[in-house]
Amino acid sequence: MPSQHDQDRVDLAASTRPRRLLFAVVVAIASALGGGTVGALVAFRLAPAASVVSSTPETFGSTSAVRPSFVAAATRVTIRVPEDVPGIAEAVSSIADWRISAGAFVDIRVAPGRYAISAPLVFAHPDGRRIGISAASAAPALHFVKVDSINRLANGSMTVIMRLKSTTSLSIDDWIRVTATEGSGSHEAFRGLFRIVGLEGEQVRLAYGSYSPTLADAQLTSAMIFKPAVQLVFTPTDTMTDYFAFDILTALGNISNVAILAATPTSRASGLRHGDGATLVTGTGGGDGGLSIGGWGRHCMWAFRNAQATVDGITVSGCRSGGIYASQGAQVEAVRGLASGTGIGFAAVDGGQITCSRCVATRSTTGFLAVAGGRVIAANARAVGGMEASTGYRAWPGGFIWAEGAVATYNGSGFAAEGGTLWIAGATASHNKVAFSDPPQPSLLQPGRQLPP
């Protein structure tokens, strides 16, 4: 007997004439009843396959002269890539004129693999918070054996050679995600999202970005390693204008087990942008369920102008400017977030706010930064294994950082209030060149007290 999920699945490649006739009948009945019951009568209108397939992505907000379809409450519609449509852009285009009721959800399910994309994906559907993108299935975990070597290259970058029990599921230019490490020294600096640049037997050579001297004395004894099931590799065709691979204009209800990657770190390109009140929810947290963003020349993730984001288990790596960047009133709530090898791990500027719980910033010039009205609320956060001149937690003029249970270790400076306000309670600073470059105010906030206004 088919499941409810199967009954709800929409075959976008099928002929749509019966659905159009059904829609016409529904509209006629609704008109006869005075039009007040249209929301309760549900019809799906799908474009023919020829109009769904497009060489360029359209946005959710594209207009249509045909009456939109409705997705009823408690209904889940699945659009499969590439079985139903060839790509995410086509899936987005195919539902541009749908209306999705509260309690309903449209899930764009992408088959595991690596996808080459040039044009940005723009999300502007008015019901975007009821739309999600996820992998159709999770990739199996990779079994870590040991780190064979750390190699400093002539250009100042480094590679790490890891040994795995099996590499049969991997290939050159795949990306893997290293999480939940255990060991000694700054072992957390091994965490992040990394591109495979060499394979030989059970050895995997990973590009780790700028050389971090703290790794020389670190010992990695175990690690959780995953290959993101869906790897979206973007190559901007125009390198002279700002480029955002995922551009969220209204909302996106979920992204999980997907990696947003740059083929090359173009200086004006960023991985994900959402602003002007847009909302975003990502991942199921931990393991392979979160969103990964890596290799971008500017920001991995940029929230601005009152945007709202809840990100669980996100990994941002190798972005030259910032990992997660919140500005102009945007608010980002990150749980178990990891920023690795970015210019600044977590940055709140110009009135933006980042609330971090159990977040880790590693191999960054600054782990957590607040400036110009920006606020960082860090609970049980860790800034580990930065550059020699790095700072774990830095409050610049006008910035405010509250750190309870925070850890700063293996940095140039652990905590620095350089013109801003830094309040700490129960913090730990160890193995830094300087623990506090400017004394913060540890007595101003104790556990259980409210944050200042």
Protein backbone atom coordinates (compact mmCIF):
# COMPACT_ATOMS: atom_id res chain seq x y z
CA MET A 1 0.00 0.00 0.00
CA PRO A 2 1.49 3.40 -0.93
CA SER A 3 2.42 5.68 1.97
CA GLN A 4 0.99 9.13 2.56
CA HIS A 5 4.38 10.49 1.53
CA ASP A 6 4.09 8.70 -1.83
CA GLN A 7 0.57 10.02 -2.35
CA ASP A 8 1.78 13.56 -1.72
CA ARG A 9 4.71 13.28 -4.13
CA VAL A 10 4.27 15.37 -7.23
CA ASP A 11 5.66 14.00 -10.48
CA LEU A 12 6.74 17.17 -12.28
CA ALA A 13 7.53 15.30 -15.50
CA ALA A 14 4.00 13.90 -15.90
CA SER A 15 1.36 15.37 -18.14
CA THR A 16 -0.64 18.05 -16.32
CA ARG A 17 -3.86 18.13 -18.29
CA PRO A 18 -5.94 16.18 -15.71
CA ARG A 19 -4.79 18.53 -12.96
CA ARG A 20 -5.77 21.57 -15.02
CA LEU A 21 -9.25 20.15 -15.57
CA LEU A 22 -9.51 19.48 -11.84
CA PHE A 23 -8.42 23.02 -11.09
CA ALA A 24 -11.06 24.42 -13.46
CA VAL A 25 -13.77 22.35 -11.74
CA VAL A 26 -12.59 23.53 -8.30
CA VAL A 27 -12.66 27.18 -9.38
CA ALA A 28 -16.15 26.76 -10.83
CA ILE A 29 -17.44 25.18 -7.59
CA ALA A 30 -15.79 27.86 -5.51
CA SER A 31 -17.31 30.60 -7.67
CA ALA A 32 -20.75 29.04 -7.28
CA LEU A 33 -20.28 29.10 -3.51
CA GLY A 34 -19.36 32.74 -3.56
CA GLY A 35 -15.59 32.33 -3.66
CA GLY A 36 -15.24 32.06 0.11
CA THR A 37 -14.11 28.42 0.08
CA VAL A 38 -11.27 28.65 -2.40
CA GLY A 39 -8.69 28.25 0.39
CA ALA A 40 -10.33 25.01 1.49
CA LEU A 41 -10.44 23.49 -1.99
CA VAL A 42 -6.99 22.42 -3.07
CA ALA A 43 -5.69 22.03 -6.61
CA PHE A 44 -2.16 21.57 -7.92
CA ARG A 45 -1.22 23.26 -11.17
CA LEU A 46 2.15 22.21 -12.57
CA ALA A 47 3.85 23.53 -15.66
CA PRO A 48 4.57 21.06 -18.47
CA ALA A 49 8.04 19.56 -18.43
CA ALA A 50 9.12 21.69 -21.37
CA SER A 51 8.44 24.90 -19.45
CA VAL A 52 9.97 23.60 -16.22
CA VAL A 53 13.40 22.95 -17.70
CA SER A 54 15.27 26.23 -18.03
CA SER A 55 18.88 27.09 -18.75
CA THR A 56 18.74 30.04 -16.38
CA PRO A 57 17.22 30.08 -12.91
CA GLU A 58 14.05 32.03 -12.28
CA THR A 59 13.09 33.38 -8.88
CA PHE A 60 10.24 32.32 -6.63
CA GLY A 61 8.77 35.74 -7.15
CA SER A 62 8.33 35.48 -10.92
CA THR A 63 4.85 36.50 -12.06
CA SER A 64 2.39 34.28 -13.85
CA ALA A 65 -0.85 35.03 -15.68
CA VAL A 66 -2.27 31.69 -14.51
CA ARG A 67 -4.05 31.39 -11.16
CA PRO A 68 -1.58 30.02 -8.54
CA SER A 69 -1.90 26.53 -7.10
CA PHE A 70 -2.53 25.85 -3.43
CA VAL A 71 -0.80 23.37 -1.13
CA ALA A 72 -3.16 22.46 1.70
CA ALA A 73 -2.31 22.41 5.39
CA ALA A 74 -0.73 19.15 6.65
CA THR A 75 0.38 18.35 3.08
CA ARG A 76 4.00 17.59 2.19
CA VAL A 77 5.02 17.80 -1.45
CA THR A 78 8.36 16.39 -2.57
CA ILE A 79 10.16 17.54 -5.71
CA ARG A 80 13.06 15.28 -6.61
CA VAL A 81 16.29 16.44 -8.27
CA PRO A 82 17.19 15.21 -10.84
CA GLU A 83 14.35 12.66 -11.21
CA ASP A 84 11.56 15.24 -11.54
CA VAL A 85 13.53 18.31 -12.61
CA PRO A 86 17.20 18.56 -13.60
CA GLY A 87 18.30 21.04 -10.95
CA ILE A 88 17.43 23.20 -7.95
CA ALA A 89 16.90 26.25 -10.17
CA GLU A 90 14.25 24.39 -12.14
CA ALA A 91 12.59 23.19 -8.95
CA VAL A 92 12.44 26.77 -7.69
CA SER A 93 11.00 27.97 -10.99
CA SER A 94 8.33 25.25 -11.09
CA ILE A 95 6.69 26.40 -7.84
CA ALA A 96 7.02 30.14 -8.37
CA ASP A 97 3.25 30.74 -8.43
CA TRP A 98 2.21 28.21 -5.80
CA ARG A 99 0.66 29.30 -2.51
CA ILE A 100 1.67 27.06 0.38
CA SER A 101 -0.71 26.99 3.34
CA ALA A 102 0.40 27.18 6.95
CA GLY A 103 1.28 23.67 8.11
CA ALA A 104 2.21 22.51 4.60
CA PHE A 105 5.74 22.05 3.27
CA VAL A 106 7.44 21.70 -0.10
CA ASP A 107 10.67 19.72 0.10
CA ILE A 108 13.20 19.95 -2.73
CA ARG A 109 15.08 16.66 -2.31
CA VAL A 110 18.41 16.50 -4.11
CA ALA A 111 20.14 13.23 -4.96
CA PRO A 112 23.66 12.90 -3.51
CA GLY A 113 26.42 14.14 -5.79
CA ARG A 114 28.45 17.13 -6.90
CA TYR A 115 26.62 19.73 -9.01
CA ALA A 116 28.33 22.47 -11.05
CA ILE A 117 26.35 25.76 -11.01
CA SER A 118 27.18 29.17 -12.48
CA ALA A 119 24.13 31.39 -11.91
CA PRO A 120 23.09 32.34 -8.35
CA LEU A 121 20.04 30.69 -6.81
CA VAL A 122 17.54 33.38 -5.79
CA PHE A 123 14.78 32.65 -3.28
CA ALA A 124 11.91 35.15 -3.20
CA HIS A 125 8.81 33.02 -2.72
CA PRO A 126 6.27 34.67 -0.36
CA ASP A 127 5.84 31.31 1.39
CA GLY A 128 9.55 30.56 1.44
CA ARG A 129 9.58 29.55 5.10
CA ARG A 130 7.52 26.49 4.02
CA ILE A 131 10.09 25.42 1.43
CA GLY A 132 13.23 23.41 2.13
CA ILE A 133 16.24 21.96 0.36
CA SER A 134 17.80 18.75 1.60
CA ALA A 135 19.77 15.72 0.48
CA ALA A 136 17.70 12.72 -0.56
CA SER A 137 19.96 10.51 1.54
CA ALA A 138 22.91 11.00 3.86
CA ALA A 139 26.43 10.04 2.88
CA PRO A 140 28.03 7.43 5.15
CA ALA A 141 30.53 8.55 7.75
CA LEU A 142 34.23 8.21 6.94
CA HIS A 143 36.38 6.38 9.48
CA PHE A 144 39.39 8.33 10.70
CA VAL A 145 42.65 6.48 11.38
CA LYS A 146 45.31 9.14 11.96
CA VAL A 147 47.01 12.29 10.68
CA ASP A 148 50.04 11.30 8.65
CA SER A 149 51.57 14.72 8.07
CA ILE A 150 51.10 18.51 8.06
CA ASN A 151 52.81 20.27 5.17
CA ARG A 152 53.58 23.97 4.97
CA LEU A 153 53.67 25.17 1.38
CA ALA A 154 55.82 27.92 -0.12
CA ASN A 155 52.81 30.24 -0.55
CA GLY A 156 52.03 30.17 3.18
CA SER A 157 49.17 27.68 2.97
CA MET A 158 49.20 24.13 4.22
CA THR A 159 47.88 20.68 3.46
CA VAL A 160 47.05 17.92 5.91
CA ILE A 161 47.31 14.25 4.97
CA MET A 162 44.83 12.07 6.83
CA ARG A 163 44.54 8.32 6.70
CA LEU A 164 41.03 6.84 6.48
CA LYS A 165 39.89 3.23 6.58
CA SER A 166 38.37 3.58 3.12
CA THR A 167 38.46 6.24 0.42
CA THR A 168 36.39 4.46 -2.22
CA SER A 169 33.54 7.00 -1.96
CA LEU A 170 35.89 9.98 -2.46
CA SER A 171 37.41 11.70 -5.47
CA ILE A 172 39.62 14.71 -6.17
CA ASP A 173 37.76 18.02 -5.61
CA ASP A 174 35.23 16.45 -3.26
CA TRP A 175 34.87 18.26 0.07
CA ILE A 176 34.76 16.58 3.46
CA ARG A 177 33.71 17.89 6.85
CA VAL A 178 35.77 17.19 9.98
CA THR A 179 33.85 17.62 13.26
CA ALA A 180 33.89 16.59 16.93
CA THR A 181 37.63 16.01 17.23
CA GLU A 182 39.41 14.62 20.26
CA GLY A 183 43.08 14.77 21.14
CA SER A 184 45.61 17.08 22.75
CA GLY A 185 46.86 20.58 22.08
CA SER A 186 44.80 22.62 19.62
CA HIS A 187 43.23 19.52 18.05
CA GLU A 188 40.07 21.52 17.30
CA ALA A 189 42.07 23.39 14.65
CA PHE A 190 41.75 20.26 12.51
CA ARG A 191 38.00 20.86 12.25
CA GLY A 192 36.31 22.37 9.23
CA LEU A 193 35.26 21.85 5.63
CA PHE A 194 38.12 20.96 3.29
CA ARG A 195 38.66 20.22 -0.40
CA ILE A 196 40.42 17.02 -1.38
CA VAL A 197 43.51 17.81 -3.48
CA GLY A 198 45.11 14.37 -3.44
CA LEU A 199 44.19 10.70 -3.02
CA GLU A 200 46.55 7.78 -2.70
CA GLY A 201 45.37 4.53 -1.19
CA GLU A 202 43.94 5.31 2.22
CA GLN A 203 45.58 8.73 2.34
CA VAL A 204 43.60 11.90 1.70
CA ARG A 205 45.38 15.20 1.14
CA LEU A 206 43.26 18.16 2.27
CA ALA A 207 43.75 21.87 1.51
CA TYR A 208 43.67 23.64 4.89
CA GLY A 209 44.26 27.27 3.85
CA SER A 210 46.71 29.46 5.72
CA TYR A 211 49.34 27.72 7.81
CA SER A 212 48.57 27.53 11.53
CA PRO A 213 51.64 26.92 13.70
CA THR A 214 49.49 25.62 16.55
CA LEU A 215 48.77 22.44 14.58
CA ALA A 216 52.43 21.42 14.73
CA ASP A 217 52.05 20.31 18.37
CA ALA A 218 48.43 19.13 18.17
CA GLN A 219 47.56 15.45 18.35
CA LEU A 220 44.33 14.23 16.77
CA THR A 221 43.21 10.87 18.16
CA SER A 222 39.67 10.67 16.79
CA ALA A 223 37.31 12.66 14.61
CA MET A 224 33.88 12.50 13.06
CA ILE A 225 34.28 12.92 9.29
CA PHE A 226 31.51 13.20 6.73
CA LYS A 227 31.27 13.90 3.05
CA PRO A 228 28.37 16.35 2.53
CA ALA A 229 25.86 14.40 0.49
CA VAL A 230 24.97 17.28 -1.86
CA GLN A 231 27.86 19.50 -2.96
CA LEU A 232 26.82 22.58 -4.95
CA VAL A 233 29.95 24.02 -6.59
CA PHE A 234 29.45 27.54 -7.94
CA THR A 235 31.63 29.24 -10.55
CA PRO A 236 30.72 32.94 -10.94
CA THR A 237 30.85 34.01 -14.57
CA ASP A 238 31.15 37.71 -13.67
CA THR A 239 33.99 38.41 -11.26
CA MET A 240 33.56 42.22 -11.32
CA THR A 241 30.24 42.49 -9.47
CA ASP A 242 29.03 41.16 -6.12
CA TYR A 243 27.95 37.53 -6.34
CA PHE A 244 25.89 35.55 -3.83
CA ALA A 245 25.44 31.84 -4.53
CA PHE A 246 22.32 31.57 -2.35
CA ASP A 247 20.44 34.88 -2.29
CA ILE A 248 17.48 34.68 0.10
CA LEU A 249 15.15 37.64 -0.39
CA THR A 250 12.15 36.40 1.62
CA ALA A 251 12.68 33.12 3.48
CA LEU A 252 13.88 29.55 3.26
CA GLY A 253 12.46 27.06 5.73
CA ASN A 254 15.31 24.57 5.83
CA ILE A 255 18.65 23.64 4.30
CA SER A 256 20.23 20.42 5.50
CA ASN A 257 23.03 18.09 4.43
CA VAL A 258 23.98 20.50 1.63
CA ALA A 259 27.31 22.24 0.97
CA ILE A 260 27.50 25.62 -0.80
CA LEU A 261 31.00 25.75 -2.29
CA ALA A 262 33.15 28.02 -4.42
CA ALA A 263 35.15 26.51 -7.26
CA THR A 264 37.67 29.35 -6.73
CA PRO A 265 37.70 32.05 -4.01
CA THR A 266 36.65 35.03 -6.15
CA SER A 267 37.17 38.23 -4.14
CA ARG A 268 33.64 39.65 -4.65
CA ALA A 269 31.76 36.38 -4.14
CA SER A 270 29.99 35.10 -1.02
CA GLY A 271 28.24 31.84 -0.25
CA LEU A 272 24.89 32.86 1.25
CA ARG A 273 23.20 36.23 1.73
CA HIS A 274 19.87 37.04 3.31
CA GLY A 275 18.54 40.45 4.25
CA ASP A 276 15.67 42.94 4.43
CA GLY A 277 13.84 40.90 7.05
CA ALA A 278 14.39 37.54 5.32
CA THR A 279 14.32 34.43 7.51
CA LEU A 280 16.41 31.26 7.33
CA VAL A 281 16.47 27.94 9.16
CA THR A 282 19.21 25.37 8.56
CA GLY A 283 20.07 21.84 9.47
CA THR A 284 19.26 19.32 12.12
CA GLY A 285 22.55 19.87 13.90
CA GLY A 286 25.61 17.74 14.46
CA GLY A 287 27.03 15.02 12.27
CA ASP A 288 26.18 15.35 8.61
CA GLY A 289 22.83 17.11 9.04
CA GLY A 290 23.90 20.75 9.01
CA LEU A 291 24.61 23.26 6.26
CA SER A 292 28.21 23.67 5.07
CA ILE A 293 29.61 26.74 3.27
CA GLY A 294 33.20 27.01 2.15
CA GLY A 295 35.89 28.47 -0.05
CA TRP A 296 34.46 31.93 -0.72
CA GLY A 297 36.49 35.09 -1.30
CA ARG A 298 34.28 37.24 0.96
CA HIS A 299 31.76 35.95 3.50
CA CYS A 300 30.52 32.43 3.95
CA MET A 301 27.19 33.70 5.34
CA TRP A 302 26.04 37.32 5.48
CA ALA A 303 22.87 38.45 7.26
CA PHE A 304 21.88 42.12 6.98
CA ARG A 305 19.04 44.61 7.42
CA ASN A 306 16.92 42.87 10.07
CA ALA A 307 17.29 39.37 8.67
CA GLN A 308 16.65 36.48 11.07
CA ALA A 309 18.49 33.15 11.00
CA THR A 310 18.51 30.02 13.13
CA VAL A 311 21.41 27.78 12.16
CA ASP A 312 21.99 24.45 13.85
CA GLY A 313 25.20 22.55 13.21
CA ILE A 314 26.46 24.91 10.50
CA THR A 315 30.09 24.72 9.30
CA VAL A 316 31.70 27.69 7.54
CA SER A 317 35.28 27.35 6.32
CA GLY A 318 37.92 29.01 4.20
CA CYS A 319 36.10 32.31 3.58
CA ARG A 320 38.58 35.17 3.49
CA SER A 321 36.51 37.92 5.15
CA GLY A 322 34.04 36.35 7.53
CA GLY A 323 32.46 33.06 8.49
CA ILE A 324 29.09 34.29 9.83
CA TYR A 325 28.63 38.05 9.49
CA ALA A 326 25.58 39.89 10.93
CA SER A 327 25.03 43.60 10.29
CA GLN A 328 22.37 46.33 10.26
CA GLY A 329 20.01 44.82 12.80
CA ALA A 330 20.26 41.24 11.57
CA GLN A 331 20.07 38.51 14.22
CA VAL A 332 21.70 35.09 13.89
CA GLU A 333 21.19 32.33 16.44
CA ALA A 334 23.84 29.64 16.01
CA VAL A 335 23.92 26.34 17.88
CA ARG A 336 27.01 24.13 17.55
CA GLY A 337 28.32 26.40 14.80
CA LEU A 338 31.87 25.91 13.51
CA ALA A 339 33.92 28.64 11.80
CA SER A 340 37.24 27.36 10.51
CA GLY A 341 40.03 29.14 8.62
CA THR A 342 38.02 32.33 8.04
CA GLY A 343 39.19 35.92 8.42
CA ILE A 344 36.74 36.45 11.31
CA GLY A 345 34.79 33.50 12.62
CA PHE A 346 31.66 35.22 13.99
CA ALA A 347 31.27 38.99 13.43
CA ALA A 348 28.48 41.31 14.62
CA VAL A 349 28.73 44.87 13.26
CA ASP A 350 26.53 47.94 12.78
CA GLY A 351 23.78 46.78 15.13
CA GLY A 352 23.85 43.11 14.15
CA GLN A 353 23.70 40.38 16.79
CA ILE A 354 25.02 36.82 16.92
CA THR A 355 23.94 34.49 19.70
CA CYS A 356 26.23 31.47 19.90
CA SER A 357 25.79 28.34 21.96
CA ARG A 358 28.65 25.84 21.90
CA CYS A 359 30.17 27.46 18.84
CA VAL A 360 33.82 26.98 17.89
CA ALA A 361 36.04 29.41 15.97
CA THR A 362 39.40 28.03 14.91
CA ARG A 363 42.32 29.10 12.70
CA SER A 364 40.84 32.60 12.31
CA THR A 365 42.45 36.01 12.76
CA THR A 366 39.63 36.81 15.20
CA GLY A 367 37.28 34.19 16.60
CA PHE A 368 34.41 36.41 17.81
CA LEU A 369 34.19 40.14 16.98
CA ALA A 370 31.73 42.90 17.92
CA VAL A 371 32.02 46.50 16.71
CA ALA A 372 29.90 49.59 16.00
CA GLY A 373 26.77 48.54 17.87
CA GLY A 374 27.24 44.84 17.17
CA ARG A 375 26.58 42.31 19.96
CA VAL A 376 27.96 38.79 20.39
CA ILE A 377 26.38 36.60 23.07
CA ALA A 378 28.66 33.57 23.46
CA ALA A 379 27.70 30.75 25.82
CA ASN A 380 30.22 27.92 26.18
CA ALA A 381 31.97 29.07 23.02
CA ARG A 382 35.57 28.22 22.12
CA ALA A 383 38.19 30.22 20.22
CA VAL A 384 41.01 27.78 19.47
CA GLY A 385 44.19 27.61 17.46
CA GLY A 386 44.20 30.94 15.69
CA MET A 387 47.08 32.60 13.89
CA GLU A 388 50.06 33.88 15.88
CA ALA A 389 48.59 37.39 15.97
CA SER A 390 44.99 36.25 16.39
CA THR A 391 42.48 37.19 19.07
CA GLY A 392 39.86 34.87 20.51
CA TYR A 393 37.22 37.45 21.57
CA ARG A 394 37.58 41.06 20.46
CA ALA A 395 35.30 44.02 21.29
CA TRP A 396 36.12 47.05 19.15
CA PRO A 397 34.63 50.54 19.68
CA GLY A 398 30.88 50.38 20.12
CA GLY A 399 30.88 46.58 20.23
CA PHE A 400 29.66 44.39 23.07
CA ILE A 401 30.61 40.77 23.85
CA TRP A 402 29.14 38.71 26.66
CA ALA A 403 31.04 35.46 27.21
CA GLU A 404 29.98 32.94 29.84
CA GLY A 405 31.89 29.69 30.07
CA ALA A 406 33.95 30.82 27.09
CA VAL A 407 37.34 29.30 26.30
CA ALA A 408 40.24 31.02 24.53
CA THR A 409 43.29 28.86 23.89
CA TYR A 410 46.28 28.73 21.54
CA ASN A 411 45.74 32.29 20.26
CA GLY A 412 47.89 35.39 20.17
CA SER A 413 45.49 37.08 22.61
CA GLY A 414 42.64 35.38 24.42
CA PHE A 415 40.35 38.33 25.22
CA ALA A 416 40.66 41.95 24.07
CA ALA A 417 38.42 44.93 24.90
CA GLU A 418 39.91 47.37 22.40
CA GLY A 419 37.51 50.25 22.87
CA GLY A 420 34.43 48.04 23.22
CA THR A 421 32.79 46.26 26.15
CA LEU A 422 33.71 42.69 27.05
CA TRP A 423 31.91 41.00 29.95
CA ILE A 424 32.95 37.51 30.96
CA ALA A 425 31.95 34.97 33.59
CA GLY A 426 33.60 31.63 34.17
CA ALA A 427 35.91 32.04 31.19
CA THR A 428 39.13 30.12 30.61
CA ALA A 429 42.25 31.45 28.88
CA SER A 430 45.22 29.11 28.39
CA HIS A 431 48.19 28.67 26.06
CA ASN A 432 47.70 32.15 24.59
CA LYS A 433 50.61 34.52 24.18
CA VAL A 434 48.56 37.05 26.15
CA ALA A 435 45.47 36.06 28.13
CA PHE A 436 43.88 39.54 28.30
CA SER A 437 45.26 42.30 26.11
CA ASP A 438 42.93 44.78 27.83
CA PRO A 439 41.30 43.75 31.12
CA PRO A 440 37.58 43.02 30.67
CA GLN A 441 34.99 43.35 33.41
CA PRO A 442 34.62 39.84 34.90
CA SER A 443 32.83 41.12 38.02
CA LEU A 444 30.06 42.92 36.14
CA LEU A 445 28.24 39.76 35.13
CA GLN A 446 27.76 36.63 37.19
CA PRO A 447 25.87 33.48 36.25
CA GLY A 448 22.14 33.98 36.63
CA ARG A 449 22.19 37.74 36.18
CA GLN A 450 20.50 39.42 33.25
CA LEU A 451 22.36 40.85 30.31
CA PRO A 452 22.82 44.61 30.25
CA PRO A 453 20.54 46.64 27.98
